[in-house]
Amino acid sequence: KTSPTSLTHVLKEHFKRSYYDFINEHRILDIIDRF
């Protein structure tokens, strides 16, 4: 329930990640858990 601009700001300022890097990080962690 926010705007793409606000979400991009949060990813950059808090997580120090781009959108794609953030999502891929969680996907990789999920895969590692299954491995």
Full PDB file with SEQRES, HELIX, SHEET, SSBOND, CRYST1, ORIGX, SCALE, CONECT and MASTER records, all heavy atoms in Angstrom:
SEQRES   1 A   35  LYS THR SER PRO THR SER LEU THR HIS VAL LEU LYS GLU          
SEQRES   2 A   35  HIS PHE LYS ARG SER TYR TYR ASP PHE ILE ASN GLU HIS          
SEQRES   3 A   35  ARG ILE LEU ASP ILE ILE ASP ARG PHE                          
HELIX    1 AA1 PRO A    4  GLU A   13  1                                  10    
HELIX    2 AA2 TYR A   19  ARG A   34  1                                  16    
CRYST1    1.000    1.000    1.000  90.00  90.00  90.00 P 1           1          
ORIGX1      1.000000  0.000000  0.000000        0.00000                         
ORIGX2      0.000000  1.000000  0.000000        0.00000                         
ORIGX3      0.000000  0.000000  1.000000        0.00000                         
SCALE1      1.000000  0.000000  0.000000        0.00000                         
SCALE2      0.000000  1.000000  0.000000        0.00000                         
SCALE3      0.000000  0.000000  1.000000        0.00000                         
ATOM      1  N   LYS A   1       0.826  -1.218   0.000  1.00  0.00           N  
ATOM      2  CA  LYS A   1       0.000   0.000   0.000  1.00  0.00           C  
ATOM      3  C   LYS A   1       0.864   1.274   0.000  1.00  0.00           C  
ATOM      4  O   LYS A   1       0.647   2.201   0.787  1.00  0.00           O  
ATOM      5  CB  LYS A   1      -0.952   0.017   1.193  1.00  0.00           C  
ATOM      6  CG  LYS A   1      -1.979  -1.106   1.178  1.00  0.00           C  
ATOM      7  CD  LYS A   1      -2.924  -0.967   2.355  1.00  0.00           C  
ATOM      8  CE  LYS A   1      -4.072  -1.957   2.275  1.00  0.00           C  
ATOM      9  NZ  LYS A   1      -3.691  -3.347   2.427  1.00  0.00           N  
ATOM     10  N   THR A   2       1.864   1.264  -0.871  1.00  0.00           N  
ATOM     11  CA  THR A   2       2.731   2.434  -1.016  1.00  0.00           C  
ATOM     12  C   THR A   2       3.035   2.633  -2.497  1.00  0.00           C  
ATOM     13  O   THR A   2       2.604   1.831  -3.344  1.00  0.00           O  
ATOM     14  CB  THR A   2       4.041   2.270  -0.208  1.00  0.00           C  
ATOM     15  OG1 THR A   2       4.770   3.494  -0.226  1.00  0.00           O  
ATOM     16  CG2 THR A   2       4.920   1.163  -0.777  1.00  0.00           C  
ATOM     17  N   SER A   3       3.771   3.657  -2.835  1.00  0.00           N  
ATOM     18  CA  SER A   3       4.104   3.923  -4.244  1.00  0.00           C  
ATOM     19  C   SER A   3       5.437   3.264  -4.598  1.00  0.00           C  
ATOM     20  O   SER A   3       6.275   3.030  -3.712  1.00  0.00           O  
ATOM     21  CB  SER A   3       4.218   5.431  -4.470  1.00  0.00           C  
ATOM     22  OG  SER A   3       5.327   5.962  -3.771  1.00  0.00           O  
ATOM     23  N   PRO A   4       5.664   2.948  -5.862  1.00  0.00           N  
ATOM     24  CA  PRO A   4       6.953   2.394  -6.298  1.00  0.00           C  
ATOM     25  C   PRO A   4       8.126   3.310  -5.928  1.00  0.00           C  
ATOM     26  O   PRO A   4       9.204   2.817  -5.581  1.00  0.00           O  
ATOM     27  CB  PRO A   4       6.783   2.278  -7.822  1.00  0.00           C  
ATOM     28  CG  PRO A   4       5.315   2.125  -8.026  1.00  0.00           C  
ATOM     29  CD  PRO A   4       4.683   2.981  -6.977  1.00  0.00           C  
ATOM     30  N   THR A   5       7.910   4.626  -5.978  1.00  0.00           N  
ATOM     31  CA  THR A   5       8.969   5.575  -5.624  1.00  0.00           C  
ATOM     32  C   THR A   5       9.356   5.436  -4.155  1.00  0.00           C  
ATOM     33  O   THR A   5      10.546   5.405  -3.802  1.00  0.00           O  
ATOM     34  CB  THR A   5       8.528   7.022  -5.905  1.00  0.00           C  
ATOM     35  OG1 THR A   5       8.154   7.152  -7.269  1.00  0.00           O  
ATOM     36  CG2 THR A   5       9.656   8.000  -5.594  1.00  0.00           C  
ATOM     37  N   SER A   6       8.369   5.344  -3.270  1.00  0.00           N  
ATOM     38  CA  SER A   6       8.625   5.190  -1.836  1.00  0.00           C  
ATOM     39  C   SER A   6       9.316   3.867  -1.542  1.00  0.00           C  
ATOM     40  O   SER A   6      10.231   3.789  -0.709  1.00  0.00           O  
ATOM     41  CB  SER A   6       7.316   5.264  -1.048  1.00  0.00           C  
ATOM     42  OG  SER A   6       6.719   6.536  -1.192  1.00  0.00           O  
ATOM     43  N   LEU A   7       8.898   2.813  -2.243  1.00  0.00           N  
ATOM     44  CA  LEU A   7       9.501   1.499  -2.043  1.00  0.00           C  
ATOM     45  C   LEU A   7      10.965   1.500  -2.489  1.00  0.00           C  
ATOM     46  O   LEU A   7      11.839   0.944  -1.815  1.00  0.00           O  
ATOM     47  CB  LEU A   7       8.705   0.441  -2.809  1.00  0.00           C  
ATOM     48  CG  LEU A   7       9.224  -1.002  -2.704  1.00  0.00           C  
ATOM     49  CD1 LEU A   7       9.327  -1.439  -1.247  1.00  0.00           C  
ATOM     50  CD2 LEU A   7       8.307  -1.950  -3.489  1.00  0.00           C  
ATOM     51  N   THR A   8      11.230   2.144  -3.622  1.00  0.00           N  
ATOM     52  CA  THR A   8      12.612   2.258  -4.112  1.00  0.00           C  
ATOM     53  C   THR A   8      13.479   3.002  -3.103  1.00  0.00           C  
ATOM     54  O   THR A   8      14.634   2.623  -2.847  1.00  0.00           O  
ATOM     55  CB  THR A   8      12.643   2.994  -5.466  1.00  0.00           C  
ATOM     56  OG1 THR A   8      11.848   2.265  -6.416  1.00  0.00           O  
ATOM     57  CG2 THR A   8      14.063   3.106  -5.989  1.00  0.00           C  
ATOM     58  N   HIS A   9      12.916   4.040  -2.505  1.00  0.00           N  
ATOM     59  CA  HIS A   9      13.636   4.829  -1.502  1.00  0.00           C  
ATOM     60  C   HIS A   9      13.987   3.964  -0.287  1.00  0.00           C  
ATOM     61  O   HIS A   9      15.111   4.017   0.230  1.00  0.00           O  
ATOM     62  CB  HIS A   9      12.782   6.018  -1.062  1.00  0.00           C  
ATOM     63  CG  HIS A   9      13.390   6.827   0.040  1.00  0.00           C  
ATOM     64  ND1 HIS A   9      14.422   7.708  -0.168  1.00  0.00           N  
ATOM     65  CD2 HIS A   9      13.121   6.861   1.377  1.00  0.00           C  
ATOM     66  CE1 HIS A   9      14.765   8.259   0.990  1.00  0.00           C  
ATOM     67  NE2 HIS A   9      13.988   7.763   1.940  1.00  0.00           N  
ATOM     68  N   VAL A  10      13.037   3.152   0.169  1.00  0.00           N  
ATOM     69  CA  VAL A  10      13.269   2.276   1.318  1.00  0.00           C  
ATOM     70  C   VAL A  10      14.362   1.251   1.005  1.00  0.00           C  
ATOM     71  O   VAL A  10      15.247   0.990   1.827  1.00  0.00           O  
ATOM     72  CB  VAL A  10      11.966   1.559   1.726  1.00  0.00           C  
ATOM     73  CG1 VAL A  10      12.250   0.450   2.738  1.00  0.00           C  
ATOM     74  CG2 VAL A  10      10.986   2.547   2.307  1.00  0.00           C  
ATOM     75  N   LEU A  11      14.279   0.662  -0.174  1.00  0.00           N  
ATOM     76  CA  LEU A  11      15.281  -0.330  -0.573  1.00  0.00           C  
ATOM     77  C   LEU A  11      16.681   0.281  -0.617  1.00  0.00           C  
ATOM     78  O   LEU A  11      17.657  -0.331  -0.194  1.00  0.00           O  
ATOM     79  CB  LEU A  11      14.922  -0.921  -1.938  1.00  0.00           C  
ATOM     80  CG  LEU A  11      13.686  -1.830  -1.968  1.00  0.00           C  
ATOM     81  CD1 LEU A  11      13.258  -2.108  -3.399  1.00  0.00           C  
ATOM     82  CD2 LEU A  11      13.977  -3.137  -1.233  1.00  0.00           C  
ATOM     83  N   LYS A  12      16.755   1.506  -1.102  1.00  0.00           N  
ATOM     84  CA  LYS A  12      18.056   2.174  -1.236  1.00  0.00           C  
ATOM     85  C   LYS A  12      18.598   2.642   0.104  1.00  0.00           C  
ATOM     86  O   LYS A  12      19.768   2.417   0.421  1.00  0.00           O  
ATOM     87  CB  LYS A  12      17.917   3.370  -2.185  1.00  0.00           C  
ATOM     88  CG  LYS A  12      19.229   4.125  -2.402  1.00  0.00           C  
ATOM     89  CD  LYS A  12      19.023   5.320  -3.321  1.00  0.00           C  
ATOM     90  CE  LYS A  12      20.315   6.109  -3.475  1.00  0.00           C  
ATOM     91  NZ  LYS A  12      20.123   7.313  -4.329  1.00  0.00           N  
ATOM     92  N   GLU A  13      17.743   3.287   0.926  1.00  0.00           N  
ATOM     93  CA  GLU A  13      18.205   3.898   2.178  1.00  0.00           C  
ATOM     94  C   GLU A  13      18.351   2.894   3.320  1.00  0.00           C  
ATOM     95  O   GLU A  13      19.273   3.004   4.115  1.00  0.00           O  
ATOM     96  CB  GLU A  13      17.242   5.024   2.602  1.00  0.00           C  
ATOM     97  CG  GLU A  13      17.176   6.181   1.626  1.00  0.00           C  
ATOM     98  CD  GLU A  13      18.530   6.852   1.449  1.00  0.00           C  
ATOM     99  OE1 GLU A  13      19.237   7.034   2.456  1.00  0.00           O  
ATOM    100  OE2 GLU A  13      18.887   7.174   0.303  1.00  0.00           O  
ATOM    101  N   HIS A  14      17.446   1.930   3.404  1.00  0.00           N  
ATOM    102  CA  HIS A  14      17.480   0.998   4.537  1.00  0.00           C  
ATOM    103  C   HIS A  14      18.222  -0.295   4.211  1.00  0.00           C  
ATOM    104  O   HIS A  14      19.040  -0.763   5.009  1.00  0.00           O  
ATOM    105  CB  HIS A  14      16.062   0.672   4.991  1.00  0.00           C  
ATOM    106  CG  HIS A  14      16.014  -0.121   6.259  1.00  0.00           C  
ATOM    107  ND1 HIS A  14      16.109   0.469   7.500  1.00  0.00           N  
ATOM    108  CD2 HIS A  14      15.908  -1.461   6.482  1.00  0.00           C  
ATOM    109  CE1 HIS A  14      16.065  -0.475   8.433  1.00  0.00           C  
ATOM    110  NE2 HIS A  14      15.934  -1.648   7.850  1.00  0.00           N  
ATOM    111  N   PHE A  15      17.939  -0.887   3.054  1.00  0.00           N  
ATOM    112  CA  PHE A  15      18.538  -2.176   2.716  1.00  0.00           C  
ATOM    113  C   PHE A  15      19.785  -2.061   1.841  1.00  0.00           C  
ATOM    114  O   PHE A  15      20.485  -3.046   1.639  1.00  0.00           O  
ATOM    115  CB  PHE A  15      17.499  -3.065   2.009  1.00  0.00           C  
ATOM    116  CG  PHE A  15      16.333  -3.441   2.887  1.00  0.00           C  
ATOM    117  CD1 PHE A  15      15.127  -2.767   2.791  1.00  0.00           C  
ATOM    118  CD2 PHE A  15      16.456  -4.459   3.819  1.00  0.00           C  
ATOM    119  CE1 PHE A  15      14.046  -3.108   3.601  1.00  0.00           C  
ATOM    120  CE2 PHE A  15      15.379  -4.817   4.633  1.00  0.00           C  
ATOM    121  CZ  PHE A  15      14.168  -4.142   4.522  1.00  0.00           C  
ATOM    122  N   LYS A  16      20.043  -0.852   1.323  1.00  0.00           N  
ATOM    123  CA  LYS A  16      21.213  -0.605   0.459  1.00  0.00           C  
ATOM    124  C   LYS A  16      21.205  -1.555  -0.748  1.00  0.00           C  
ATOM    125  O   LYS A  16      22.233  -2.073  -1.166  1.00  0.00           O  
ATOM    126  CB  LYS A  16      22.520  -0.774   1.238  1.00  0.00           C  
ATOM    127  CG  LYS A  16      22.573  -0.019   2.552  1.00  0.00           C  
ATOM    128  CD  LYS A  16      22.422   1.469   2.375  1.00  0.00           C  
ATOM    129  CE  LYS A  16      22.357   2.198   3.707  1.00  0.00           C  
ATOM    130  NZ  LYS A  16      22.070   3.642   3.561  1.00  0.00           N  
ATOM    131  N   ARG A  17      20.022  -1.781  -1.291  1.00  0.00           N  
ATOM    132  CA  ARG A  17      19.853  -2.700  -2.419  1.00  0.00           C  
ATOM    133  C   ARG A  17      18.930  -2.103  -3.464  1.00  0.00           C  
ATOM    134  O   ARG A  17      18.030  -1.316  -3.147  1.00  0.00           O  
ATOM    135  CB  ARG A  17      19.227  -4.019  -1.936  1.00  0.00           C  
ATOM    136  CG  ARG A  17      20.097  -4.868  -1.031  1.00  0.00           C  
ATOM    137  CD  ARG A  17      21.026  -5.703  -1.856  1.00  0.00           C  
ATOM    138  NE  ARG A  17      21.584  -6.816  -1.147  1.00  0.00           N  
ATOM    139  CZ  ARG A  17      22.233  -7.814  -1.728  1.00  0.00           C  
ATOM    140  NH1 ARG A  17      22.362  -7.840  -3.029  1.00  0.00           N  
ATOM    141  NH2 ARG A  17      22.763  -8.782  -1.027  1.00  0.00           N  
ATOM    142  N   SER A  18      19.130  -2.536  -4.724  1.00  0.00           N  
ATOM    143  CA  SER A  18      18.152  -2.224  -5.758  1.00  0.00           C  
ATOM    144  C   SER A  18      17.011  -3.224  -5.624  1.00  0.00           C  
ATOM    145  O   SER A  18      17.136  -4.235  -4.899  1.00  0.00           O  
ATOM    146  CB  SER A  18      18.789  -2.340  -7.147  1.00  0.00           C  
ATOM    147  OG  SER A  18      19.104  -3.694  -7.433  1.00  0.00           O  
ATOM    148  N   TYR A  19      15.915  -2.962  -6.326  1.00  0.00           N  
ATOM    149  CA  TYR A  19      14.766  -3.863  -6.228  1.00  0.00           C  
ATOM    150  C   TYR A  19      15.143  -5.280  -6.643  1.00  0.00           C  
ATOM    151  O   TYR A  19      14.858  -6.252  -5.926  1.00  0.00           O  
ATOM    152  CB  TYR A  19      13.619  -3.351  -7.113  1.00  0.00           C  
ATOM    153  CG  TYR A  19      12.560  -4.393  -7.364  1.00  0.00           C  
ATOM    154  CD1 TYR A  19      11.657  -4.751  -6.358  1.00  0.00           C  
ATOM    155  CD2 TYR A  19      12.489  -5.052  -8.596  1.00  0.00           C  
ATOM    156  CE1 TYR A  19      10.704  -5.734  -6.581  1.00  0.00           C  
ATOM    157  CE2 TYR A  19      11.535  -6.029  -8.822  1.00  0.00           C  
ATOM    158  CZ  TYR A  19      10.643  -6.369  -7.813  1.00  0.00           C  
ATOM    159  OH  TYR A  19       9.706  -7.344  -8.029  1.00  0.00           O  
ATOM    160  N   TYR A  20      15.809  -5.426  -7.799  1.00  0.00           N  
ATOM    161  CA  TYR A  20      16.140  -6.756  -8.312  1.00  0.00           C  
ATOM    162  C   TYR A  20      17.134  -7.482  -7.410  1.00  0.00           C  
ATOM    163  O   TYR A  20      17.012  -8.695  -7.176  1.00  0.00           O  
ATOM    164  CB  TYR A  20      16.666  -6.661  -9.746  1.00  0.00           C  
ATOM    165  CG  TYR A  20      15.588  -6.309 -10.741  1.00  0.00           C  
ATOM    166  CD1 TYR A  20      15.514  -5.045 -11.311  1.00  0.00           C  
ATOM    167  CD2 TYR A  20      14.609  -7.244 -11.085  1.00  0.00           C  
ATOM    168  CE1 TYR A  20      14.492  -4.712 -12.199  1.00  0.00           C  
ATOM    169  CE2 TYR A  20      13.595  -6.937 -11.979  1.00  0.00           C  
ATOM    170  CZ  TYR A  20      13.543  -5.662 -12.530  1.00  0.00           C  
ATOM    171  OH  TYR A  20      12.528  -5.335 -13.405  1.00  0.00           O  
ATOM    172  N   ASP A  21      18.123  -6.763  -6.880  1.00  0.00           N  
ATOM    173  CA  ASP A  21      19.091  -7.394  -5.978  1.00  0.00           C  
ATOM    174  C   ASP A  21      18.413  -7.858  -4.686  1.00  0.00           C  
ATOM    175  O   ASP A  21      18.726  -8.924  -4.149  1.00  0.00           O  
ATOM    176  CB  ASP A  21      20.214  -6.411  -5.628  1.00  0.00           C  
ATOM    177  CG  ASP A  21      21.201  -6.243  -6.776  1.00  0.00           C  
ATOM    178  OD1 ASP A  21      21.209  -7.098  -7.670  1.00  0.00           O  
ATOM    179  OD2 ASP A  21      21.957  -5.250  -6.766  1.00  0.00           O  
ATOM    180  N   PHE A  22      17.469  -7.057  -4.198  1.00  0.00           N  
ATOM    181  CA  PHE A  22      16.752  -7.408  -2.971  1.00  0.00           C  
ATOM    182  C   PHE A  22      15.917  -8.679  -3.155  1.00  0.00           C  
ATOM    183  O   PHE A  22      15.957  -9.593  -2.324  1.00  0.00           O  
ATOM    184  CB  PHE A  22      15.851  -6.237  -2.562  1.00  0.00           C  
ATOM    185  CG  PHE A  22      15.028  -6.496  -1.328  1.00  0.00           C  
ATOM    186  CD1 PHE A  22      15.580  -6.378  -0.068  1.00  0.00           C  
ATOM    187  CD2 PHE A  22      13.680  -6.853  -1.442  1.00  0.00           C  
ATOM    188  CE1 PHE A  22      14.812  -6.615   1.078  1.00  0.00           C  
ATOM    189  CE2 PHE A  22      12.912  -7.095  -0.314  1.00  0.00           C  
ATOM    190  CZ  PHE A  22      13.483  -6.976   0.952  1.00  0.00           C  
ATOM    191  N   ILE A  23      15.153  -8.732  -4.249  1.00  0.00           N  
ATOM    192  CA  ILE A  23      14.298  -9.895  -4.513  1.00  0.00           C  
ATOM    193  C   ILE A  23      15.146 -11.137  -4.779  1.00  0.00           C  
ATOM    194  O   ILE A  23      14.883 -12.226  -4.243  1.00  0.00           O  
ATOM    195  CB  ILE A  23      13.362  -9.624  -5.717  1.00  0.00           C  
ATOM    196  CG1 ILE A  23      12.390  -8.490  -5.389  1.00  0.00           C  
ATOM    197  CG2 ILE A  23      12.600 -10.896  -6.091  1.00  0.00           C  
ATOM    198  CD1 ILE A  23      11.500  -8.747  -4.194  1.00  0.00           C  
ATOM    199  N   ASN A  24      16.189 -10.977  -5.588  1.00  0.00           N  
ATOM    200  CA  ASN A  24      17.059 -12.123  -5.903  1.00  0.00           C  
ATOM    201  C   ASN A  24      17.784 -12.644  -4.666  1.00  0.00           C  
ATOM    202  O   ASN A  24      18.023 -13.846  -4.536  1.00  0.00           O  
ATOM    203  CB  ASN A  24      18.073 -11.737  -6.976  1.00  0.00           C  
ATOM    204  CG  ASN A  24      17.439 -11.640  -8.350  1.00  0.00           C  
ATOM    205  OD1 ASN A  24      16.339 -12.173  -8.580  1.00  0.00           O  
ATOM    206  ND2 ASN A  24      18.096 -10.963  -9.277  1.00  0.00           N  
ATOM    207  N   GLU A  25      18.141 -11.734  -3.753  1.00  0.00           N  
ATOM    208  CA  GLU A  25      18.784 -12.165  -2.506  1.00  0.00           C  
ATOM    209  C   GLU A  25      17.870 -13.121  -1.742  1.00  0.00           C  
ATOM    210  O   GLU A  25      18.318 -14.175  -1.256  1.00  0.00           O  
ATOM    211  CB  GLU A  25      19.111 -10.947  -1.640  1.00  0.00           C  
ATOM    212  CG  GLU A  25      19.714 -11.317  -0.283  1.00  0.00           C  
ATOM    213  CD  GLU A  25      19.836 -10.122   0.647  1.00  0.00           C  
ATOM    214  OE1 GLU A  25      19.210  -9.082   0.381  1.00  0.00           O  
ATOM    215  OE2 GLU A  25      20.536 -10.254   1.664  1.00  0.00           O  
ATOM    216  N   HIS A  26      16.586 -12.771  -1.625  1.00  0.00           N  
ATOM    217  CA  HIS A  26      15.642 -13.629  -0.907  1.00  0.00           C  
ATOM    218  C   HIS A  26      15.388 -14.935  -1.653  1.00  0.00           C  
ATOM    219  O   HIS A  26      15.214 -15.996  -1.027  1.00  0.00           O  
ATOM    220  CB  HIS A  26      14.319 -12.882  -0.674  1.00  0.00           C  
ATOM    221  CG  HIS A  26      14.395 -11.897   0.447  1.00  0.00           C  
ATOM    222  ND1 HIS A  26      14.965 -10.645   0.310  1.00  0.00           N  
ATOM    223  CD2 HIS A  26      13.997 -12.003   1.750  1.00  0.00           C  
ATOM    224  CE1 HIS A  26      14.902 -10.014   1.476  1.00  0.00           C  
ATOM    225  NE2 HIS A  26      14.315 -10.801   2.354  1.00  0.00           N  
ATOM    226  N   ARG A  27      15.370 -14.874  -2.968  1.00  0.00           N  
ATOM    227  CA  ARG A  27      15.206 -16.101  -3.751  1.00  0.00           C  
ATOM    228  C   ARG A  27      16.387 -17.042  -3.546  1.00  0.00           C  
ATOM    229  O   ARG A  27      16.213 -18.258  -3.364  1.00  0.00           O  
ATOM    230  CB  ARG A  27      15.049 -15.755  -5.234  1.00  0.00           C  
ATOM    231  CG  ARG A  27      13.693 -15.143  -5.574  1.00  0.00           C  
ATOM    232  CD  ARG A  27      13.651 -14.610  -6.989  1.00  0.00           C  
ATOM    233  NE  ARG A  27      12.294 -14.154  -7.334  1.00  0.00           N  
ATOM    234  CZ  ARG A  27      11.999 -13.447  -8.416  1.00  0.00           C  
ATOM    235  NH1 ARG A  27      12.970 -13.085  -9.277  1.00  0.00           N  
ATOM    236  NH2 ARG A  27      10.753 -13.097  -8.662  1.00  0.00           N  
ATOM    237  N   ILE A  28      17.602 -16.484  -3.550  1.00  0.00           N  
ATOM    238  CA  ILE A  28      18.805 -17.296  -3.371  1.00  0.00           C  
ATOM    239  C   ILE A  28      18.838 -17.903  -1.970  1.00  0.00           C  
ATOM    240  O   ILE A  28      19.185 -19.082  -1.797  1.00  0.00           O  
ATOM    241  CB  ILE A  28      20.082 -16.459  -3.626  1.00  0.00           C  
ATOM    242  CG1 ILE A  28      20.132 -15.984  -5.084  1.00  0.00           C  
ATOM    243  CG2 ILE A  28      21.328 -17.258  -3.279  1.00  0.00           C  
ATOM    244  CD1 ILE A  28      20.099 -17.095  -6.119  1.00  0.00           C  
ATOM    245  N   LEU A  29      18.468 -17.130  -0.962  1.00  0.00           N  
ATOM    246  CA  LEU A  29      18.436 -17.651   0.412  1.00  0.00           C  
ATOM    247  C   LEU A  29      17.429 -18.798   0.528  1.00  0.00           C  
ATOM    248  O   LEU A  29      17.672 -19.782   1.243  1.00  0.00           O  
ATOM    249  CB  LEU A  29      18.077 -16.530   1.393  1.00  0.00           C  
ATOM    250  CG  LEU A  29      19.138 -15.461   1.625  1.00  0.00           C  
ATOM    251  CD1 LEU A  29      18.583 -14.328   2.497  1.00  0.00           C  
ATOM    252  CD2 LEU A  29      20.383 -16.057   2.274  1.00  0.00           C  
ATOM    253  N   ASP A  30      16.314 -18.670  -0.175  1.00  0.00           N  
ATOM    254  CA  ASP A  30      15.298 -19.719  -0.180  1.00  0.00           C  
ATOM    255  C   ASP A  30      15.844 -20.989  -0.834  1.00  0.00           C  
ATOM    256  O   ASP A  30      15.641 -22.097  -0.336  1.00  0.00           O  
ATOM    257  CB  ASP A  30      14.061 -19.217  -0.929  1.00  0.00           C  
ATOM    258  CG  ASP A  30      12.876 -20.162  -0.787  1.00  0.00           C  
ATOM    259  OD1 ASP A  30      12.589 -20.583   0.343  1.00  0.00           O  
ATOM    260  OD2 ASP A  30      12.245 -20.478  -1.814  1.00  0.00           O  
ATOM    261  N   ILE A  31      16.560 -20.795  -1.927  1.00  0.00           N  
ATOM    262  CA  ILE A  31      17.155 -21.934  -2.647  1.00  0.00           C  
ATOM    263  C   ILE A  31      18.232 -22.600  -1.796  1.00  0.00           C  
ATOM    264  O   ILE A  31      18.308 -23.835  -1.721  1.00  0.00           O  
ATOM    265  CB  ILE A  31      17.739 -21.461  -3.996  1.00  0.00           C  
ATOM    266  CG1 ILE A  31      16.594 -21.078  -4.947  1.00  0.00           C  
ATOM    267  CG2 ILE A  31      18.619 -22.542  -4.627  1.00  0.00           C  
ATOM    268  CD1 ILE A  31      17.048 -20.352  -6.193  1.00  0.00           C  
ATOM    269  N   ILE A  32      19.072 -21.803  -1.152  1.00  0.00           N  
ATOM    270  CA  ILE A  32      20.129 -22.341  -0.285  1.00  0.00           C  
ATOM    271  C   ILE A  32      19.525 -23.167   0.846  1.00  0.00           C  
ATOM    272  O   ILE A  32      20.043 -24.238   1.204  1.00  0.00           O  
ATOM    273  CB  ILE A  32      21.005 -21.198   0.276  1.00  0.00           C  
ATOM    274  CG1 ILE A  32      21.888 -20.640  -0.832  1.00  0.00           C  
ATOM    275  CG2 ILE A  32      21.859 -21.671   1.455  1.00  0.00           C  
ATOM    276  CD1 ILE A  32      22.676 -19.413  -0.427  1.00  0.00           C  
ATOM    277  N   ASP A  33      18.422 -22.681   1.398  1.00  0.00           N  
ATOM    278  CA  ASP A  33      17.739 -23.413   2.461  1.00  0.00           C  
ATOM    279  C   ASP A  33      17.284 -24.789   1.969  1.00  0.00           C  
ATOM    280  O   ASP A  33      17.419 -25.790   2.687  1.00  0.00           O  
ATOM    281  CB  ASP A  33      16.533 -22.595   2.951  1.00  0.00           C  
ATOM    282  CG  ASP A  33      15.811 -23.264   4.113  1.00  0.00           C  
ATOM    283  OD1 ASP A  33      16.467 -23.547   5.128  1.00  0.00           O  
ATOM    284  OD2 ASP A  33      14.595 -23.511   3.980  1.00  0.00           O  
ATOM    285  N   ARG A  34      16.793 -24.846   0.742  1.00  0.00           N  
ATOM    286  CA  ARG A  34      16.342 -26.123   0.174  1.00  0.00           C  
ATOM    287  C   ARG A  34      17.527 -27.026  -0.134  1.00  0.00           C  
ATOM    288  O   ARG A  34      17.442 -28.246   0.051  1.00  0.00           O  
ATOM    289  CB  ARG A  34      15.496 -25.870  -1.073  1.00  0.00           C  
ATOM    290  CG  ARG A  34      14.184 -25.143  -0.772  1.00  0.00           C  
ATOM    291  CD  ARG A  34      13.309 -25.018  -1.993  1.00  0.00           C  
ATOM    292  NE  ARG A  34      12.823 -26.317  -2.468  1.00  0.00           N  
ATOM    293  CZ  ARG A  34      11.976 -26.479  -3.479  1.00  0.00           C  
ATOM    294  NH1 ARG A  34      11.479 -25.407  -4.101  1.00  0.00           N  
ATOM    295  NH2 ARG A  34      11.597 -27.675  -3.860  1.00  0.00           N  
ATOM    296  N   PHE A  35      18.638 -26.432  -0.586  1.00  0.00           N  
ATOM    297  CA  PHE A  35      19.854 -27.212  -0.841  1.00  0.00           C  
ATOM    298  C   PHE A  35      20.345 -27.862   0.448  1.00  0.00           C  
ATOM    299  O   PHE A  35      20.747 -29.029   0.478  1.00  0.00           O  
ATOM    300  CB  PHE A  35      20.962 -26.322  -1.404  1.00  0.00           C  
ATOM    301  CG  PHE A  35      20.795 -25.983  -2.867  1.00  0.00           C  
ATOM    302  CD1 PHE A  35      21.584 -24.989  -3.460  1.00  0.00           C  
ATOM    303  CD2 PHE A  35      19.874 -26.650  -3.653  1.00  0.00           C  
ATOM    304  CE1 PHE A  35      21.443 -24.669  -4.797  1.00  0.00           C  
ATOM    305  CE2 PHE A  35      19.723 -26.338  -5.010  1.00  0.00           C  
ATOM    306  CZ  PHE A  35      20.509 -25.341  -5.577  1.00  0.00           C  
TER     307      PHE A  35                                                      
MASTER        0    0    0    2    0    0    0    6  306    1    0    3          
END                                                                             
